[in-house]
C-alpha atoms as a PDB file:
ATOM      1  CA  UNK A   1     143.964 188.368  90.236  1.00  0.00           C
ATOM      2  CA  UNK A   2     140.302 187.481  89.142  1.00  0.00           C
ATOM      3  CA  UNK A   3     139.941 187.173  85.376  1.00  0.00           C
ATOM      4  CA  UNK A   4     136.816 186.404  82.961  1.00  0.00           C
ATOM      5  CA  UNK A   5     136.841 183.746  81.049  1.00  0.00           C
ATOM      6  CA  UNK A   6     134.902 183.384  77.762  1.00  0.00           C
ATOM      7  CA  UNK A   7     135.033 179.341  76.308  1.00  0.00           C
ATOM      8  CA  UNK A   8     133.328 178.362  72.996  1.00  0.00           C
ATOM      9  CA  UNK A   9     131.884 174.786  72.727  1.00  0.00           C
ATOM     10  CA  UNK A  10     130.176 172.936  69.973  1.00  0.00           C
ATOM     11  CA  UNK A  11     126.752 171.617  71.021  1.00  0.00           C
ATOM     12  CA  UNK A  12     125.026 168.679  68.720  1.00  0.00           C
ATOM     13  CA  UNK A  13     121.965 168.862  68.292  1.00  0.00           C
ATOM     14  CA  UNK A  14     119.892 166.624  66.482  1.00  0.00           C
ATOM     15  CA  UNK A  15     116.613 166.430  64.834  1.00  0.00           C
ATOM     16  CA  UNK A  16     116.084 170.650  63.733  1.00  0.00           C
ATOM     17  CA  UNK A  17     114.503 171.773  61.324  1.00  0.00           C
ATOM     18  CA  UNK A  18     115.685 175.032  61.404  1.00  0.00           C
ATOM     19  CA  UNK A  19     118.883 177.164  62.335  1.00  0.00           C
ATOM     20  CA  UNK A  20     116.869 179.489  65.513  1.00  0.00           C
ATOM     21  CA  UNK A  21     115.794 175.509  67.127  1.00  0.00           C
ATOM     22  CA  UNK A  22     119.152 174.486  67.248  1.00  0.00           C
ATOM     23  CA  UNK A  23     119.869 177.355  68.643  1.00  0.00           C
ATOM     24  CA  UNK A  24     117.485 177.408  71.366  1.00  0.00           C
ATOM     25  CA  UNK A  25     117.647 173.325  71.840  1.00  0.00           C
ATOM     26  CA  UNK A  26     121.493 173.772  72.475  1.00  0.00           C
ATOM     27  CA  UNK A  27     121.279 176.537  74.823  1.00  0.00           C
ATOM     28  CA  UNK A  28     118.663 174.623  77.275  1.00  0.00           C
ATOM     29  CA  UNK A  29     120.839 171.121  76.482  1.00  0.00           C
ATOM     30  CA  UNK A  30     123.691 173.311  77.644  1.00  0.00           C
ATOM     31  CA  UNK A  31     121.619 174.612  80.897  1.00  0.00           C
ATOM     32  CA  UNK A  32     120.572 171.745  82.028  1.00  0.00           C
ATOM     33  CA  UNK A  33     124.007 169.628  82.332  1.00  0.00           C
ATOM     34  CA  UNK A  34     125.588 172.894  83.740  1.00  0.00           C
ATOM     35  CA  UNK A  35     122.844 173.487  86.291  1.00  0.00           C
ATOM     36  CA  UNK A  36     122.076 173.614  89.682  1.00  0.00           C
ATOM     37  CA  UNK A  37     126.168 173.096  89.376  1.00  0.00           C
ATOM     38  CA  UNK A  38     127.604 176.074  87.527  1.00  0.00           C
ATOM     39  CA  UNK A  39     125.043 178.287  87.354  1.00  0.00           C
ATOM     40  CA  UNK A  40     126.904 181.302  87.525  1.00  0.00           C
ATOM     41  CA  UNK A  41     128.406 180.551  83.887  1.00  0.00           C
ATOM     42  CA  UNK A  42     126.465 182.867  81.018  1.00  0.00           C
ATOM     43  CA  UNK A  43     125.522 181.479  77.947  1.00  0.00           C
ATOM     44  CA  UNK A  44     125.657 183.389  74.703  1.00  0.00           C
ATOM     45  CA  UNK A  45     125.278 182.546  70.850  1.00  0.00           C
ATOM     46  CA  UNK A  46     128.774 182.053  69.563  1.00  0.00           C
ATOM     47  CA  UNK A  47     129.882 184.100  66.608  1.00  0.00           C
ATOM     48  CA  UNK A  48     131.245 182.452  63.688  1.00  0.00           C
ATOM     49  CA  UNK A  49     132.523 184.058  60.411  1.00  0.00           C
ATOM     50  CA  UNK A  50     133.965 182.476  57.032  1.00  0.00           C
ATOM     51  CA  UNK A  51     137.699 182.668  57.996  1.00  0.00           C
ATOM     52  CA  UNK A  52     138.569 183.414  54.236  1.00  0.00           C
ATOM     53  CA  UNK A  53     136.324 186.302  54.105  1.00  0.00           C
ATOM     54  CA  UNK A  54     135.107 188.000  57.267  1.00  0.00           C
ATOM     55  CA  UNK A  55     131.476 187.133  56.302  1.00  0.00           C
ATOM     56  CA  UNK A  56     129.568 186.451  59.137  1.00  0.00           C
ATOM     57  CA  UNK A  57     128.238 183.160  59.417  1.00  0.00           C
ATOM     58  CA  UNK A  58     124.799 181.337  61.263  1.00  0.00           C
ATOM     59  CA  UNK A  59     125.265 179.736  64.666  1.00  0.00           C
ATOM     60  CA  UNK A  60     124.716 177.063  63.242  1.00  0.00           C
ATOM     61  CA  UNK A  61     125.445 174.690  61.112  1.00  0.00           C
ATOM     62  CA  UNK A  62     122.640 171.833  59.908  1.00  0.00           C
ATOM     63  CA  UNK A  63     122.995 169.195  57.703  1.00  0.00           C
ATOM     64  CA  UNK A  64     120.803 166.021  57.450  1.00  0.00           C
ATOM     65  CA  UNK A  65     118.651 166.992  60.163  1.00  0.00           C
ATOM     66  CA  UNK A  66     121.242 167.563  63.009  1.00  0.00           C
ATOM     67  CA  UNK A  67     123.312 170.496  63.653  1.00  0.00           C
ATOM     68  CA  UNK A  68     126.499 171.610  65.746  1.00  0.00           C
ATOM     69  CA  UNK A  69     125.883 174.570  67.767  1.00  0.00           C
ATOM     70  CA  UNK A  70     128.670 177.106  68.338  1.00  0.00           C
ATOM     71  CA  UNK A  71     127.600 178.566  72.083  1.00  0.00           C
ATOM     72  CA  UNK A  72     129.892 180.686  74.225  1.00  0.00           C
ATOM     73  CA  UNK A  73     130.533 179.977  77.627  1.00  0.00           C
ATOM     74  CA  UNK A  74     131.445 182.389  79.632  1.00  0.00           C
ATOM     75  CA  UNK A  75     132.747 182.684  83.837  1.00  0.00           C
ATOM     76  CA  UNK A  76     134.223 184.759  86.471  1.00  0.00           C
ATOM     77  CA  UNK A  77     137.596 182.732  88.036  1.00  0.00           C
ATOM     78  CA  UNK A  78     138.298 184.402  90.682  1.00  0.00           C
ATOM     79  CA  UNK A  79     142.254 184.272  92.892  1.00  0.00           C
ATOM     80  CA  UNK A  80     144.416 183.075  89.732  1.00  0.00           C
ATOM     81  CA  UNK A  81     148.023 183.540  89.892  1.00  0.00           C
ATOM     82  CA  UNK A  82     148.467 184.260  85.867  1.00  0.00           C
ATOM     83  CA  UNK A  83     145.658 184.136  83.180  1.00  0.00           C
ATOM     84  CA  UNK A  84     146.536 180.749  82.190  1.00  0.00           C
ATOM     85  CA  UNK A  85     145.713 179.512  84.819  1.00  0.00           C
ATOM     86  CA  UNK A  86     142.717 181.294  84.847  1.00  0.00           C
ATOM     87  CA  UNK A  87     141.743 179.230  81.409  1.00  0.00           C
ATOM     88  CA  UNK A  88     142.681 176.167  82.552  1.00  0.00           C
ATOM     89  CA  UNK A  89     140.081 175.698  85.988  1.00  0.00           C
ATOM     90  CA  UNK A  90     137.465 177.391  83.257  1.00  0.00           C
ATOM     91  CA  UNK A  91     137.983 174.704  80.545  1.00  0.00           C
ATOM     92  CA  UNK A  92     138.353 171.806  83.794  1.00  0.00           C
ATOM     93  CA  UNK A  93     134.829 173.075  85.646  1.00  0.00           C
ATOM     94  CA  UNK A  94     132.854 173.530  82.503  1.00  0.00           C
ATOM     95  CA  UNK A  95     134.396 170.474  80.274  1.00  0.00           C
ATOM     96  CA  UNK A  96     133.880 168.202  83.930  1.00  0.00           C
ATOM     97  CA  UNK A  97     129.613 169.003  83.288  1.00  0.00           C
ATOM     98  CA  UNK A  98     129.247 168.666  79.063  1.00  0.00           C
ATOM     99  CA  UNK A  99     130.613 165.721  78.568  1.00  0.00           C
ATOM    100  CA  UNK A 100     132.184 165.232  75.103  1.00  0.00           C
ATOM    101  CA  UNK A 101     131.518 168.682  73.412  1.00  0.00           C
ATOM    102  CA  UNK A 102     134.709 170.280  72.207  1.00  0.00           C
ATOM    103  CA  UNK A 103     136.229 173.589  74.131  1.00  0.00           C
ATOM    104  CA  UNK A 104     138.216 175.918  72.993  1.00  0.00           C
ATOM    105  CA  UNK A 105     139.195 179.351  75.244  1.00  0.00           C
ATOM    106  CA  UNK A 106     138.162 182.473  73.536  1.00  0.00           C
ATOM    107  CA  UNK A 107     139.233 185.500  75.443  1.00  0.00           C
ATOM    108  CA  UNK A 108     140.717 185.825  79.088  1.00  0.00           C
ATOM    109  CA  UNK A 109     140.150 189.625  80.320  1.00  0.00           C
ATOM    110  CA  UNK A 110     141.556 190.414  83.209  1.00  0.00           C
ATOM    111  CA  UNK A 111     139.197 192.094  85.807  1.00  0.00           C
ATOM    112  CA  UNK A 112     140.454 195.536  87.791  1.00  0.00           C
ATOM    113  CA  UNK A 113     140.987 194.873  91.599  1.00  0.00           C
ATOM    114  CA  UNK A 114     140.495 197.520  93.947  1.00  0.00           C
ATOM    115  CA  UNK A 115     143.520 199.062  95.404  1.00  0.00           C
ATOM    116  CA  UNK A 116     144.739 199.542  98.222  1.00  0.00           C
ATOM    117  CA  UNK A 117     144.776 203.825  97.438  1.00  0.00           C
ATOM    118  CA  UNK A 118     141.235 203.304  96.078  1.00  0.00           C
ATOM    119  CA  UNK A 119     139.641 201.866  99.591  1.00  0.00           C
ATOM    120  CA  UNK A 120     141.350 204.779 101.078  1.00  0.00           C
ATOM    121  CA  UNK A 121     139.739 206.958  99.386  1.00  0.00           C
ATOM    122  CA  UNK A 122     136.370 205.568  99.726  1.00  0.00           C
ATOM    123  CA  UNK A 123     137.902 205.506 103.549  1.00  0.00           C
ATOM    124  CA  UNK A 124     138.217 209.347 103.218  1.00  0.00           C
ATOM    125  CA  UNK A 125     135.093 209.734 101.960  1.00  0.00           C
ATOM    126  CA  UNK A 126     133.091 208.377 104.505  1.00  0.00           C
ATOM    127  CA  UNK A 127     135.522 209.737 107.293  1.00  0.00           C
ATOM    128  CA  UNK A 128     133.598 213.529 105.448  1.00  0.00           C
ATOM    129  CA  UNK A 129     130.496 212.293 105.943  1.00  0.00           C
ATOM    130  CA  UNK A 130     130.868 211.500 109.410  1.00  0.00           C
ATOM    131  CA  UNK A 131     132.189 214.908 110.219  1.00  0.00           C
ATOM    132  CA  UNK A 132     129.654 216.200 108.345  1.00  0.00           C
ATOM    133  CA  UNK A 133     127.304 215.142 110.865  1.00  0.00           C
ATOM    134  CA  UNK A 134     128.784 216.324 113.351  1.00  0.00           C
ATOM    135  CA  UNK A 135     128.968 219.676 112.294  1.00  0.00           C
ATOM    136  CA  UNK A 136     124.961 219.686 112.212  1.00  0.00           C
ATOM    137  CA  UNK A 137     125.018 218.089 115.429  1.00  0.00           C
ATOM    138  CA  UNK A 138     126.508 221.326 116.837  1.00  0.00           C
ATOM    139  CA  UNK A 139     125.044 223.531 114.127  1.00  0.00           C
ATOM    140  CA  UNK A 140     121.492 221.935 115.977  1.00  0.00           C
ATOM    141  CA  UNK A 141     123.170 222.472 119.708  1.00  0.00           C
ATOM    142  CA  UNK A 142     124.221 226.029 118.793  1.00  0.00           C
ATOM    143  CA  UNK A 143     120.691 227.131 117.945  1.00  0.00           C
ATOM    144  CA  UNK A 144     118.967 225.397 121.123  1.00  0.00           C
ATOM    145  CA  UNK A 145     121.447 228.231 122.815  1.00  0.00           C
ATOM    146  CA  UNK A 146     120.104 230.781 120.560  1.00  0.00           C
ATOM    147  CA  UNK A 147     117.048 230.453 122.144  1.00  0.00           C
ATOM    148  CA  UNK A 148     114.734 233.338 123.895  1.00  0.00           C
ATOM    149  CA  UNK A 149     115.954 234.575 126.749  1.00  0.00           C
ATOM    150  CA  UNK A 150     112.514 235.741 127.833  1.00  0.00           C
ATOM    151  CA  UNK A 151     111.120 231.759 128.292  1.00  0.00           C
ATOM    152  CA  UNK A 152     109.758 231.329 131.709  1.00  0.00           C
ATOM    153  CA  UNK A 153     111.630 228.121 132.606  1.00  0.00           C
ATOM    154  CA  UNK A 154     107.912 226.138 133.341  1.00  0.00           C
ATOM    155  CA  UNK A 155     107.273 227.067 129.442  1.00  0.00           C
ATOM    156  CA  UNK A 156     111.220 225.524 128.728  1.00  0.00           C
ATOM    157  CA  UNK A 157     110.265 222.155 130.748  1.00  0.00           C
ATOM    158  CA  UNK A 158     107.206 221.631 129.337  1.00  0.00           C
ATOM    159  CA  UNK A 159     108.440 222.075 125.788  1.00  0.00           C
ATOM    160  CA  UNK A 160     110.928 219.956 126.057  1.00  0.00           C
ATOM    161  CA  UNK A 161     108.964 216.857 127.511  1.00  0.00           C
ATOM    162  CA  UNK A 162     106.820 217.105 124.439  1.00  0.00           C
ATOM    163  CA  UNK A 163     109.954 217.018 122.424  1.00  0.00           C
ATOM    164  CA  UNK A 164     110.799 213.775 124.522  1.00  0.00           C
ATOM    165  CA  UNK A 165     107.465 212.231 123.726  1.00  0.00           C
ATOM    166  CA  UNK A 166     107.973 212.772 119.500  1.00  0.00           C
ATOM    167  CA  UNK A 167     111.280 210.480 120.417  1.00  0.00           C
ATOM    168  CA  UNK A 168     109.710 208.354 122.168  1.00  0.00           C
ATOM    169  CA  UNK A 169     106.982 208.286 119.521  1.00  0.00           C
ATOM    170  CA  UNK A 170     109.171 206.785 117.307  1.00  0.00           C
ATOM    171  CA  UNK A 171     110.800 203.802 119.106  1.00  0.00           C
ATOM    172  CA  UNK A 172     109.769 200.310 119.523  1.00  0.00           C
ATOM    173  CA  UNK A 173     107.494 199.139 122.722  1.00  0.00           C
ATOM    174  CA  UNK A 174     110.383 196.240 123.791  1.00  0.00           C
ATOM    175  CA  UNK A 175     113.364 199.713 123.712  1.00  0.00           C
ATOM    176  CA  UNK A 176     110.857 202.686 126.109  1.00  0.00           C
ATOM    177  CA  UNK A 177     111.140 200.556 129.829  1.00  0.00           C
ATOM    178  CA  UNK A 178     115.104 201.614 128.147  1.00  0.00           C
ATOM    179  CA  UNK A 179     114.494 204.997 127.395  1.00  0.00           C
ATOM    180  CA  UNK A 180     112.396 206.203 130.406  1.00  0.00           C
ATOM    181  CA  UNK A 181     114.930 204.699 133.415  1.00  0.00           C
END
């Protein structure tokens, strides 16, 4: 089973004046700590709300030129047995790179895997396409059989040679020797 895990991180930022500046610095700082090892982790601004009234709050809390910024870090964890296992792996991988930054798992979403039925239907679609190609080839050969009977055999061989030359025009020079034999 594969899971998408969203982890909230509280990133401290120092010497900032505005919330926008704090968010930009926090995203940059977090990106530097995660890359290059975890460049597949997506970094997004967190969404904060008042626990009492539900009113939306800013992502960054600023006091005395210091800020605490809420970021959401999203990663996909592959081949896990349970959702809890995916959460532990995500927290461990991200937590190893983000020292002294608290993390909390916000969301775990199980990603749909292709089932054997879906794979079988895709294989059948491929078989149908191959059958259509074979039918088109049969129709082309049937049209060639329906050629007029009053054609002189010498003219027919000239036409065959011309069509062979057209086919050879599309062949790479390295393979012309193989075709001529």
